[in-house]
Each structure stands twice: as C-alpha cells, then as structure tokens.
Amino acid sequence: MKVTIRQATEADLPGILDIVNDAILNSTAIWSHYAYTLDNRRKWLAERREKNQPILVAVLGSDIAGFASFGDFRPHDGYLHSVEHSIYVHRHHHGKGIGKQLMPPLFHAAKALGKHVMIGGIEAGNTGSLKFHRDLGFVETGRLKEVGWKFDRWLDLVFMQKILDASTDIRID
C-alpha cells in the first residue's frame, strides 16, 4: 500500500492523538504521565501553523500511520536556526519504512525556513530510535543522566543532531 506524506489538517488530529497517547501511555518516547486531549492537539496545531512549522502526516490507506514535526529548540534568538523534531509511527505500522519517508520532507521544510540544525531528544534505552537517527545522519552530541522519571525509574536523555546541508536531500529508501 502506498504511503502519502502531506501537511496535517485538523481532521488528522484524532489519528495523531491516538499515536501520541499510545506513546505516552506505553513507552518512554514521550515523558508525559498523562494522555493529551484533542483540545491540546488543536492548540499545538495552531501554534505550529502560526510559526509556519510543519506537521507532516503519513497516510496509509485511510489511516494516519505516523507524523513528524519540528518546533523551536529553545526560546532565545541565538537558537533561531536550530529546531527540535518529533517523529512517531503508529505501533501497528512499525518496520514499514514510514519514518524514513517522513524525514526527508521534514528536512526540506526546515531548510526552506532557514534552519541549520535539527535536534532530537531520545530516551537512551530506545535503541530503535537511536539507530533510526544514526541511519539518517544524526550524530550523538550529549547525554543527560537521570533527567526524566517515568514508569518508576530514572531516564537518560540522548541528544542527537543533524546539520542540514545538501546531504539532507538524499532520499532514504
């Protein structure tokens, strides 16, 4: 089945919410203890649109199979050219290459907005995500020990970054 990558609309928010809440409730990918609401995702969509920051969805058949976005890395103007991204694929669609299809358009969108660096914050035990990012050219730039708490244990945060240059135009098949 063909995957279509496009900008998210408000109609996509229930599918995005399903993916996000599954990650919140069943993984350490998102360090929140409470599920998000549809109103929360509406506000998030509006904030991203206001800043011209993309939210891309991967549509498989009629399902939202995954999504990717980026936002400001930090609020100070010295970080203007750096963004932090998020990418999530529905657990029923892991291993189908959907994440690798979402990232090149996200790189392109960041470059089009004059961004120079894309950063990911990944829980240190998430070996699949760490490998995924390495395969896309991200490099580990730091580890913060025991800065998160979820599921009754301390979590380490790994920062990875990719400098956005001509190599970000390469298609990942």
N, C-alpha and C. Protein backbone atom coordinates (compact mmCIF):
# COMPACT_ATOMS: atom_id res chain seq x y z
N MET A 1 0.84 -1.19 0.00
CA MET A 1 0.00 0.00 0.00
C MET A 1 0.88 1.25 0.00
N LYS A 2 0.51 2.23 -0.78
CA LYS A 2 1.29 3.45 -0.93
C LYS A 2 1.08 4.39 0.26
N VAL A 3 2.18 4.97 0.73
CA VAL A 3 2.14 5.96 1.80
C VAL A 3 2.15 7.35 1.17
N THR A 4 1.26 8.20 1.62
CA THR A 4 1.21 9.59 1.17
C THR A 4 1.67 10.47 2.32
N ILE A 5 2.62 11.36 2.05
CA ILE A 5 3.10 12.32 3.04
C ILE A 5 2.51 13.68 2.68
N ARG A 6 1.86 14.32 3.65
CA ARG A 6 1.25 15.63 3.39
C ARG A 6 1.17 16.41 4.70
N GLN A 7 0.84 17.69 4.57
CA GLN A 7 0.62 18.55 5.74
C GLN A 7 -0.62 18.05 6.50
N ALA A 8 -0.53 18.08 7.80
CA ALA A 8 -1.67 17.68 8.64
C ALA A 8 -2.77 18.73 8.59
N THR A 9 -4.00 18.26 8.73
CA THR A 9 -5.16 19.13 8.86
C THR A 9 -5.82 18.83 10.21
N GLU A 10 -6.77 19.65 10.58
CA GLU A 10 -7.47 19.41 11.84
C GLU A 10 -8.17 18.04 11.83
N ALA A 11 -8.59 17.59 10.67
CA ALA A 11 -9.24 16.27 10.57
C ALA A 11 -8.29 15.13 10.91
N ASP A 12 -6.98 15.37 10.85
CA ASP A 12 -5.98 14.34 11.17
C ASP A 12 -5.70 14.24 12.66
N LEU A 13 -6.16 15.21 13.43
CA LEU A 13 -5.79 15.26 14.85
C LEU A 13 -6.22 14.02 15.65
N PRO A 14 -7.39 13.43 15.43
CA PRO A 14 -7.70 12.20 16.18
C PRO A 14 -6.69 11.07 15.92
N GLY A 15 -6.23 10.93 14.69
CA GLY A 15 -5.22 9.92 14.37
C GLY A 15 -3.89 10.23 15.02
N ILE A 16 -3.50 11.49 14.99
CA ILE A 16 -2.27 11.92 15.65
C ILE A 16 -2.38 11.70 17.16
N LEU A 17 -3.53 12.06 17.72
CA LEU A 17 -3.76 11.89 19.15
C LEU A 17 -3.65 10.42 19.56
N ASP A 18 -4.17 9.53 18.75
CA ASP A 18 -4.07 8.10 19.03
C ASP A 18 -2.61 7.65 19.10
N ILE A 19 -1.80 8.11 18.18
CA ILE A 19 -0.38 7.75 18.14
C ILE A 19 0.35 8.33 19.36
N VAL A 20 0.11 9.60 19.64
CA VAL A 20 0.79 10.27 20.75
C VAL A 20 0.40 9.63 22.08
N ASN A 21 -0.89 9.41 22.28
CA ASN A 21 -1.32 8.86 23.55
C ASN A 21 -0.84 7.43 23.76
N ASP A 22 -0.73 6.66 22.70
CA ASP A 22 -0.15 5.32 22.82
C ASP A 22 1.31 5.44 23.28
N ALA A 23 2.05 6.38 22.71
CA ALA A 23 3.44 6.58 23.11
C ALA A 23 3.54 7.06 24.56
N ILE A 24 2.63 7.92 24.98
CA ILE A 24 2.64 8.41 26.36
C ILE A 24 2.35 7.27 27.33
N LEU A 25 1.32 6.52 27.05
CA LEU A 25 0.85 5.51 28.00
C LEU A 25 1.66 4.22 28.00
N ASN A 26 2.37 3.93 26.90
CA ASN A 26 3.01 2.62 26.76
C ASN A 26 4.50 2.64 26.46
N SER A 27 5.11 3.82 26.48
CA SER A 27 6.54 3.88 26.16
C SER A 27 7.20 5.04 26.90
N THR A 28 8.50 5.12 26.75
CA THR A 28 9.25 6.25 27.29
C THR A 28 9.63 7.24 26.19
N ALA A 29 8.97 7.15 25.05
CA ALA A 29 9.26 8.07 23.95
C ALA A 29 8.83 9.50 24.28
N ILE A 30 7.74 9.64 25.03
CA ILE A 30 7.26 10.96 25.46
C ILE A 30 7.22 10.93 26.98
N TRP A 31 7.87 11.88 27.61
CA TRP A 31 7.99 11.88 29.06
C TRP A 31 6.85 12.63 29.73
N SER A 32 5.67 12.29 29.36
CA SER A 32 4.47 12.81 30.00
C SER A 32 3.79 11.64 30.70
N HIS A 33 3.14 11.92 31.79
CA HIS A 33 2.44 10.87 32.52
C HIS A 33 0.95 10.83 32.17
N TYR A 34 0.47 11.85 31.49
CA TYR A 34 -0.96 11.98 31.22
C TYR A 34 -1.22 12.10 29.74
N ALA A 35 -2.25 11.41 29.28
CA ALA A 35 -2.64 11.48 27.88
C ALA A 35 -3.05 12.90 27.51
N TYR A 36 -2.81 13.25 26.25
CA TYR A 36 -3.22 14.54 25.73
C TYR A 36 -4.70 14.50 25.36
N THR A 37 -5.27 15.67 25.17
CA THR A 37 -6.66 15.80 24.75
C THR A 37 -6.69 16.34 23.32
N LEU A 38 -7.84 16.22 22.71
CA LEU A 38 -7.99 16.78 21.37
C LEU A 38 -7.82 18.29 21.39
N ASP A 39 -8.28 18.96 22.44
CA ASP A 39 -8.07 20.41 22.55
C ASP A 39 -6.59 20.74 22.62
N ASN A 40 -5.81 19.93 23.33
CA ASN A 40 -4.37 20.13 23.40
C ASN A 40 -3.74 20.04 22.02
N ARG A 41 -4.16 19.04 21.23
CA ARG A 41 -3.59 18.88 19.88
C ARG A 41 -4.05 19.99 18.96
N ARG A 42 -5.25 20.51 19.14
CA ARG A 42 -5.71 21.66 18.34
C ARG A 42 -4.83 22.88 18.61
N LYS A 43 -4.54 23.11 19.87
CA LYS A 43 -3.67 24.24 20.24
C LYS A 43 -2.27 24.05 19.64
N TRP A 44 -1.74 22.84 19.73
CA TRP A 44 -0.42 22.51 19.16
C TRP A 44 -0.41 22.78 17.66
N LEU A 45 -1.45 22.32 16.95
CA LEU A 45 -1.54 22.55 15.50
C LEU A 45 -1.58 24.05 15.21
N ALA A 46 -2.37 24.80 15.95
CA ALA A 46 -2.47 26.25 15.73
C ALA A 46 -1.14 26.94 15.99
N GLU A 47 -0.44 26.55 17.05
CA GLU A 47 0.86 27.16 17.35
C GLU A 47 1.88 26.86 16.25
N ARG A 48 1.89 25.64 15.77
CA ARG A 48 2.83 25.30 14.69
C ARG A 48 2.49 26.08 13.42
N ARG A 49 1.23 26.16 13.10
CA ARG A 49 0.82 26.91 11.90
C ARG A 49 1.21 28.38 12.01
N GLU A 50 1.01 28.96 13.19
CA GLU A 50 1.33 30.37 13.41
C GLU A 50 2.81 30.64 13.15
N LYS A 51 3.65 29.68 13.49
CA LYS A 51 5.10 29.85 13.30
C LYS A 51 5.58 29.26 11.98
N ASN A 52 4.65 28.81 11.13
CA ASN A 52 4.99 28.20 9.85
C ASN A 52 5.83 26.94 10.02
N GLN A 53 5.62 26.24 11.12
CA GLN A 53 6.33 24.99 11.38
C GLN A 53 5.44 23.82 10.95
N PRO A 54 5.98 22.90 10.19
CA PRO A 54 5.14 21.84 9.61
C PRO A 54 4.75 20.76 10.62
N ILE A 55 3.62 20.17 10.34
CA ILE A 55 3.24 18.88 10.92
C ILE A 55 2.88 18.02 9.73
N LEU A 56 3.72 17.05 9.46
CA LEU A 56 3.52 16.16 8.33
C LEU A 56 2.88 14.87 8.81
N VAL A 57 1.95 14.34 8.03
CA VAL A 57 1.36 13.05 8.35
C VAL A 57 1.68 12.07 7.23
N ALA A 58 1.83 10.81 7.64
CA ALA A 58 1.97 9.70 6.69
C ALA A 58 0.63 8.99 6.68
N VAL A 59 -0.01 8.96 5.51
CA VAL A 59 -1.32 8.35 5.38
C VAL A 59 -1.15 7.04 4.63
N LEU A 60 -1.66 5.99 5.22
CA LEU A 60 -1.61 4.65 4.65
C LEU A 60 -3.04 4.17 4.54
N GLY A 61 -3.55 4.07 3.31
CA GLY A 61 -4.97 3.80 3.13
C GLY A 61 -5.74 4.99 3.66
N SER A 62 -6.56 4.77 4.67
CA SER A 62 -7.30 5.87 5.29
C SER A 62 -6.78 6.17 6.70
N ASP A 63 -5.67 5.53 7.08
CA ASP A 63 -5.13 5.67 8.43
C ASP A 63 -3.99 6.67 8.49
N ILE A 64 -3.92 7.41 9.60
CA ILE A 64 -2.74 8.21 9.90
C ILE A 64 -1.74 7.21 10.52
N ALA A 65 -0.74 6.87 9.75
CA ALA A 65 0.23 5.85 10.17
C ALA A 65 1.39 6.45 10.94
N GLY A 66 1.60 7.75 10.82
CA GLY A 66 2.69 8.41 11.52
C GLY A 66 2.64 9.91 11.28
N PHE A 67 3.47 10.61 12.03
CA PHE A 67 3.56 12.05 11.83
C PHE A 67 4.94 12.53 12.27
N ALA A 68 5.32 13.69 11.75
CA ALA A 68 6.60 14.31 12.10
C ALA A 68 6.39 15.82 12.12
N SER A 69 7.14 16.47 12.99
CA SER A 69 7.05 17.91 13.11
C SER A 69 8.34 18.44 13.70
N PHE A 70 8.49 19.74 13.70
CA PHE A 70 9.57 20.36 14.47
C PHE A 70 9.09 21.68 15.03
N GLY A 71 9.76 22.07 16.09
CA GLY A 71 9.47 23.34 16.73
C GLY A 71 10.76 23.98 17.18
N ASP A 72 10.64 25.12 17.82
CA ASP A 72 11.81 25.83 18.31
C ASP A 72 12.61 24.93 19.26
N PHE A 73 13.93 24.98 19.15
CA PHE A 73 14.78 24.22 20.06
C PHE A 73 14.76 24.86 21.45
N ARG A 74 15.02 26.14 21.49
CA ARG A 74 14.96 26.91 22.73
C ARG A 74 14.40 28.27 22.39
N PRO A 75 13.90 29.01 23.38
CA PRO A 75 13.18 30.26 23.06
C PRO A 75 14.06 31.46 22.73
N HIS A 76 15.35 31.40 22.97
CA HIS A 76 16.21 32.57 22.78
C HIS A 76 16.60 32.73 21.31
N ASP A 77 16.76 33.98 20.87
CA ASP A 77 17.00 34.24 19.46
C ASP A 77 18.33 33.68 18.95
N GLY A 78 19.26 33.40 19.82
CA GLY A 78 20.51 32.79 19.39
C GLY A 78 20.33 31.37 18.85
N TYR A 79 19.18 30.76 19.15
CA TYR A 79 18.88 29.41 18.66
C TYR A 79 17.95 29.44 17.46
N LEU A 80 17.78 30.59 16.85
CA LEU A 80 16.85 30.78 15.75
C LEU A 80 17.01 29.76 14.62
N HIS A 81 18.21 29.31 14.38
CA HIS A 81 18.47 28.41 13.25
C HIS A 81 18.50 26.94 13.63
N SER A 82 18.06 26.62 14.85
CA SER A 82 18.01 25.23 15.31
C SER A 82 16.58 24.86 15.66
N VAL A 83 16.20 23.63 15.31
CA VAL A 83 14.87 23.13 15.63
C VAL A 83 14.99 21.76 16.29
N GLU A 84 13.99 21.41 17.09
CA GLU A 84 13.90 20.07 17.66
C GLU A 84 12.71 19.37 17.03
N HIS A 85 12.95 18.18 16.55
CA HIS A 85 11.89 17.47 15.83
C HIS A 85 11.28 16.35 16.69
N SER A 86 10.11 15.94 16.24
CA SER A 86 9.41 14.79 16.80
C SER A 86 8.94 13.94 15.64
N ILE A 87 9.06 12.64 15.79
CA ILE A 87 8.55 11.72 14.77
C ILE A 87 8.00 10.50 15.48
N TYR A 88 6.80 10.13 15.11
CA TYR A 88 6.13 8.98 15.72
C TYR A 88 5.39 8.20 14.65
N VAL A 89 5.51 6.89 14.72
CA VAL A 89 4.81 6.00 13.81
C VAL A 89 3.91 5.11 14.66
N HIS A 90 2.68 4.93 14.20
CA HIS A 90 1.73 4.08 14.92
C HIS A 90 2.34 2.69 15.08
N ARG A 91 2.18 2.12 16.27
CA ARG A 91 2.83 0.83 16.58
C ARG A 91 2.44 -0.28 15.60
N HIS A 92 1.25 -0.19 14.98
CA HIS A 92 0.85 -1.20 14.00
C HIS A 92 1.57 -1.04 12.66
N HIS A 93 2.30 0.06 12.52
CA HIS A 93 2.99 0.33 11.26
C HIS A 93 4.51 0.42 11.41
N HIS A 94 5.02 0.00 12.56
CA HIS A 94 6.48 -0.02 12.73
C HIS A 94 7.10 -0.98 11.72
N GLY A 95 8.30 -0.64 11.28
CA GLY A 95 9.06 -1.52 10.38
C GLY A 95 8.66 -1.46 8.93
N LYS A 96 7.80 -0.51 8.56
CA LYS A 96 7.35 -0.39 7.16
C LYS A 96 8.07 0.74 6.42
N GLY A 97 9.03 1.39 7.06
CA GLY A 97 9.77 2.47 6.41
C GLY A 97 9.05 3.81 6.43
N ILE A 98 7.99 3.93 7.20
CA ILE A 98 7.21 5.17 7.21
C ILE A 98 8.02 6.32 7.80
N GLY A 99 8.75 6.07 8.88
CA GLY A 99 9.57 7.12 9.47
C GLY A 99 10.60 7.64 8.49
N LYS A 100 11.21 6.74 7.74
CA LYS A 100 12.23 7.15 6.76
C LYS A 100 11.62 7.93 5.60
N GLN A 101 10.33 7.76 5.37
CA GLN A 101 9.67 8.55 4.33
C GLN A 101 9.25 9.93 4.86
N LEU A 102 9.01 10.03 6.15
CA LEU A 102 8.62 11.32 6.73
C LEU A 102 9.79 12.28 6.88
N MET A 103 10.99 11.76 7.11
CA MET A 103 12.10 12.65 7.44
C MET A 103 12.61 13.53 6.30
N PRO A 104 12.81 13.03 5.07
CA PRO A 104 13.31 13.95 4.03
C PRO A 104 12.42 15.17 3.81
N PRO A 105 11.09 15.04 3.76
CA PRO A 105 10.28 16.26 3.64
C PRO A 105 10.40 17.18 4.86
N LEU A 106 10.65 16.60 6.03
CA LEU A 106 10.85 17.43 7.22
C LEU A 106 12.17 18.19 7.13
N PHE A 107 13.22 17.52 6.66
CA PHE A 107 14.50 18.21 6.43
C PHE A 107 14.30 19.36 5.44
N HIS A 108 13.60 19.08 4.35
CA HIS A 108 13.37 20.09 3.31
C HIS A 108 12.63 21.30 3.89
N ALA A 109 11.58 21.03 4.68
CA ALA A 109 10.81 22.12 5.29
C ALA A 109 11.69 22.97 6.21
N ALA A 110 12.55 22.31 6.98
CA ALA A 110 13.44 23.06 7.88
C ALA A 110 14.41 23.93 7.09
N LYS A 111 15.00 23.36 6.06
CA LYS A 111 15.93 24.14 5.23
C LYS A 111 15.22 25.31 4.56
N ALA A 112 13.99 25.10 4.13
CA ALA A 112 13.23 26.16 3.47
C ALA A 112 12.96 27.32 4.43
N LEU A 113 12.93 27.03 5.72
CA LEU A 113 12.74 28.08 6.73
C LEU A 113 14.07 28.64 7.24
N GLY A 114 15.17 28.25 6.61
CA GLY A 114 16.48 28.77 7.00
C GLY A 114 17.08 28.11 8.23
N LYS A 115 16.63 26.91 8.54
CA LYS A 115 17.16 26.21 9.71
C LYS A 115 18.47 25.52 9.34
N HIS A 116 19.37 25.46 10.31
CA HIS A 116 20.70 24.92 10.08
C HIS A 116 20.92 23.57 10.77
N VAL A 117 20.29 23.38 11.92
CA VAL A 117 20.48 22.16 12.70
C VAL A 117 19.13 21.61 13.15
N MET A 118 18.97 20.29 13.03
CA MET A 118 17.80 19.61 13.57
C MET A 118 18.27 18.72 14.71
N ILE A 119 17.56 18.80 15.82
CA ILE A 119 17.95 18.11 17.05
C ILE A 119 16.84 17.14 17.43
N GLY A 120 17.26 15.99 17.96
CA GLY A 120 16.32 15.04 18.52
C GLY A 120 16.71 14.72 19.95
N GLY A 121 15.73 14.64 20.82
CA GLY A 121 15.95 14.21 22.19
C GLY A 121 15.34 12.82 22.34
N ILE A 122 16.16 11.82 22.65
CA ILE A 122 15.73 10.42 22.62
C ILE A 122 16.09 9.75 23.93
N GLU A 123 15.16 8.98 24.48
CA GLU A 123 15.43 8.23 25.70
C GLU A 123 16.52 7.21 25.40
N ALA A 124 17.53 7.15 26.26
CA ALA A 124 18.74 6.36 25.99
C ALA A 124 18.47 4.88 25.77
N GLY A 125 17.40 4.35 26.32
CA GLY A 125 17.08 2.94 26.13
C GLY A 125 16.33 2.64 24.85
N ASN A 126 15.98 3.67 24.08
CA ASN A 126 15.23 3.48 22.85
C ASN A 126 16.21 3.22 21.70
N THR A 127 16.74 2.00 21.69
CA THR A 127 17.78 1.66 20.71
C THR A 127 17.28 1.75 19.27
N GLY A 128 16.01 1.46 19.05
CA GLY A 128 15.46 1.57 17.70
C GLY A 128 15.49 2.99 17.19
N SER A 129 15.10 3.95 18.03
CA SER A 129 15.11 5.35 17.63
C SER A 129 16.53 5.86 17.47
N LEU A 130 17.43 5.45 18.34
CA LEU A 130 18.83 5.87 18.20
C LEU A 130 19.41 5.39 16.88
N LYS A 131 19.14 4.13 16.52
CA LYS A 131 19.62 3.59 15.24
C LYS A 131 18.97 4.31 14.07
N PHE A 132 17.67 4.53 14.15
CA PHE A 132 16.94 5.25 13.10
C PHE A 132 17.61 6.59 12.82
N HIS A 133 17.90 7.33 13.88
CA HIS A 133 18.52 8.64 13.71
C HIS A 133 19.94 8.54 13.17
N ARG A 134 20.72 7.59 13.67
CA ARG A 134 22.08 7.40 13.11
C ARG A 134 22.01 7.09 11.62
N ASP A 135 21.07 6.23 11.23
CA ASP A 135 20.93 5.87 9.81
C ASP A 135 20.59 7.08 8.94
N LEU A 136 19.97 8.10 9.54
CA LEU A 136 19.61 9.32 8.80
C LEU A 136 20.69 10.40 8.90
N GLY A 137 21.83 10.07 9.50
CA GLY A 137 22.93 11.02 9.55
C GLY A 137 22.99 11.86 10.80
N PHE A 138 22.15 11.58 11.80
CA PHE A 138 22.25 12.28 13.07
C PHE A 138 23.43 11.72 13.85
N VAL A 139 24.08 12.57 14.63
CA VAL A 139 25.17 12.13 15.49
C VAL A 139 24.84 12.47 16.94
N GLU A 140 25.28 11.62 17.83
CA GLU A 140 25.06 11.87 19.25
C GLU A 140 25.95 13.02 19.69
N THR A 141 25.34 13.96 20.39
CA THR A 141 26.11 15.12 20.85
C THR A 141 26.09 15.30 22.36
N GLY A 142 25.28 14.50 23.06
CA GLY A 142 25.28 14.61 24.51
C GLY A 142 24.32 13.65 25.17
N ARG A 143 24.61 13.36 26.45
CA ARG A 143 23.74 12.51 27.27
C ARG A 143 23.54 13.19 28.60
N LEU A 144 22.29 13.27 29.00
CA LEU A 144 21.94 13.82 30.30
C LEU A 144 21.43 12.67 31.15
N LYS A 145 22.13 12.37 32.22
CA LYS A 145 21.81 11.23 33.07
C LYS A 145 20.65 11.55 34.01
N GLU A 146 19.71 10.63 34.06
CA GLU A 146 18.62 10.64 35.04
C GLU A 146 17.86 11.97 35.11
N VAL A 147 17.56 12.55 33.97
CA VAL A 147 16.83 13.82 33.95
C VAL A 147 15.32 13.62 33.81
N GLY A 148 14.90 12.39 33.53
CA GLY A 148 13.47 12.11 33.41
C GLY A 148 13.05 11.00 34.36
N TRP A 149 11.76 10.97 34.67
CA TRP A 149 11.21 9.95 35.56
C TRP A 149 9.90 9.46 34.97
N LYS A 150 9.83 8.18 34.71
CA LYS A 150 8.60 7.60 34.18
C LYS A 150 8.62 6.10 34.45
N PHE A 151 7.47 5.54 34.68
CA PHE A 151 7.33 4.11 34.97
C PHE A 151 8.23 3.68 36.12
N ASP A 152 8.32 4.55 37.14
CA ASP A 152 9.06 4.26 38.37
C ASP A 152 10.55 4.04 38.16
N ARG A 153 11.10 4.76 37.20
CA ARG A 153 12.56 4.68 37.00
C ARG A 153 13.08 5.97 36.39
N TRP A 154 14.37 6.21 36.61
CA TRP A 154 15.05 7.36 36.02
C TRP A 154 15.35 7.08 34.56
N LEU A 155 15.28 8.13 33.75
CA LEU A 155 15.55 8.02 32.32
C LEU A 155 16.67 8.97 31.93
N ASP A 156 17.52 8.49 31.03
CA ASP A 156 18.59 9.32 30.46
C ASP A 156 18.14 9.86 29.11
N LEU A 157 18.56 11.07 28.81
CA LEU A 157 18.21 11.73 27.55
C LEU A 157 19.44 11.84 26.66
N VAL A 158 19.31 11.36 25.45
CA VAL A 158 20.38 11.46 24.45
C VAL A 158 19.99 12.55 23.45
N PHE A 159 20.88 13.51 23.25
CA PHE A 159 20.68 14.50 22.21
C PHE A 159 21.44 14.06 20.97
N MET A 160 20.74 14.11 19.83
CA MET A 160 21.36 13.83 18.54
C MET A 160 21.06 15.02 17.64
N GLN A 161 21.98 15.30 16.73
CA GLN A 161 21.76 16.43 15.82
C GLN A 161 22.20 16.08 14.42
N LYS A 162 21.61 16.82 13.49
CA LYS A 162 21.98 16.71 12.08
C LYS A 162 22.11 18.12 11.55
N ILE A 163 23.25 18.41 10.97
CA ILE A 163 23.44 19.69 10.30
C ILE A 163 22.78 19.58 8.94
N LEU A 164 21.90 20.49 8.64
CA LEU A 164 21.12 20.45 7.40
C LEU A 164 21.92 21.11 6.29
N ASP A 165 22.36 20.29 5.39
CA ASP A 165 23.13 20.77 4.24
C ASP A 165 22.64 20.02 3.01
N ALA A 166 23.41 20.03 1.95
CA ALA A 166 22.99 19.38 0.71
C ALA A 166 22.72 17.89 0.89
N SER A 167 23.38 17.24 1.85
CA SER A 167 23.18 15.79 2.02
C SER A 167 21.79 15.46 2.54
N THR A 168 21.05 16.43 3.06
CA THR A 168 19.70 16.15 3.55
C THR A 168 18.71 15.95 2.42
N ASP A 169 19.14 16.20 1.18
CA ASP A 169 18.25 15.97 0.03
C ASP A 169 18.25 14.52 -0.41
N ILE A 170 19.12 13.70 0.14
CA ILE A 170 19.21 12.30 -0.26
C ILE A 170 17.95 11.57 0.15
N ARG A 171 17.37 10.81 -0.77
CA ARG A 171 16.18 10.00 -0.45
C ARG A 171 16.63 8.75 0.28
N ILE A 172 15.90 8.40 1.32
CA ILE A 172 16.17 7.18 2.08
C ILE A 172 15.16 6.14 1.64
N ASP A 173 15.62 5.10 0.99
CA ASP A 173 14.70 4.03 0.54
C ASP A 173 14.79 2.82 1.43
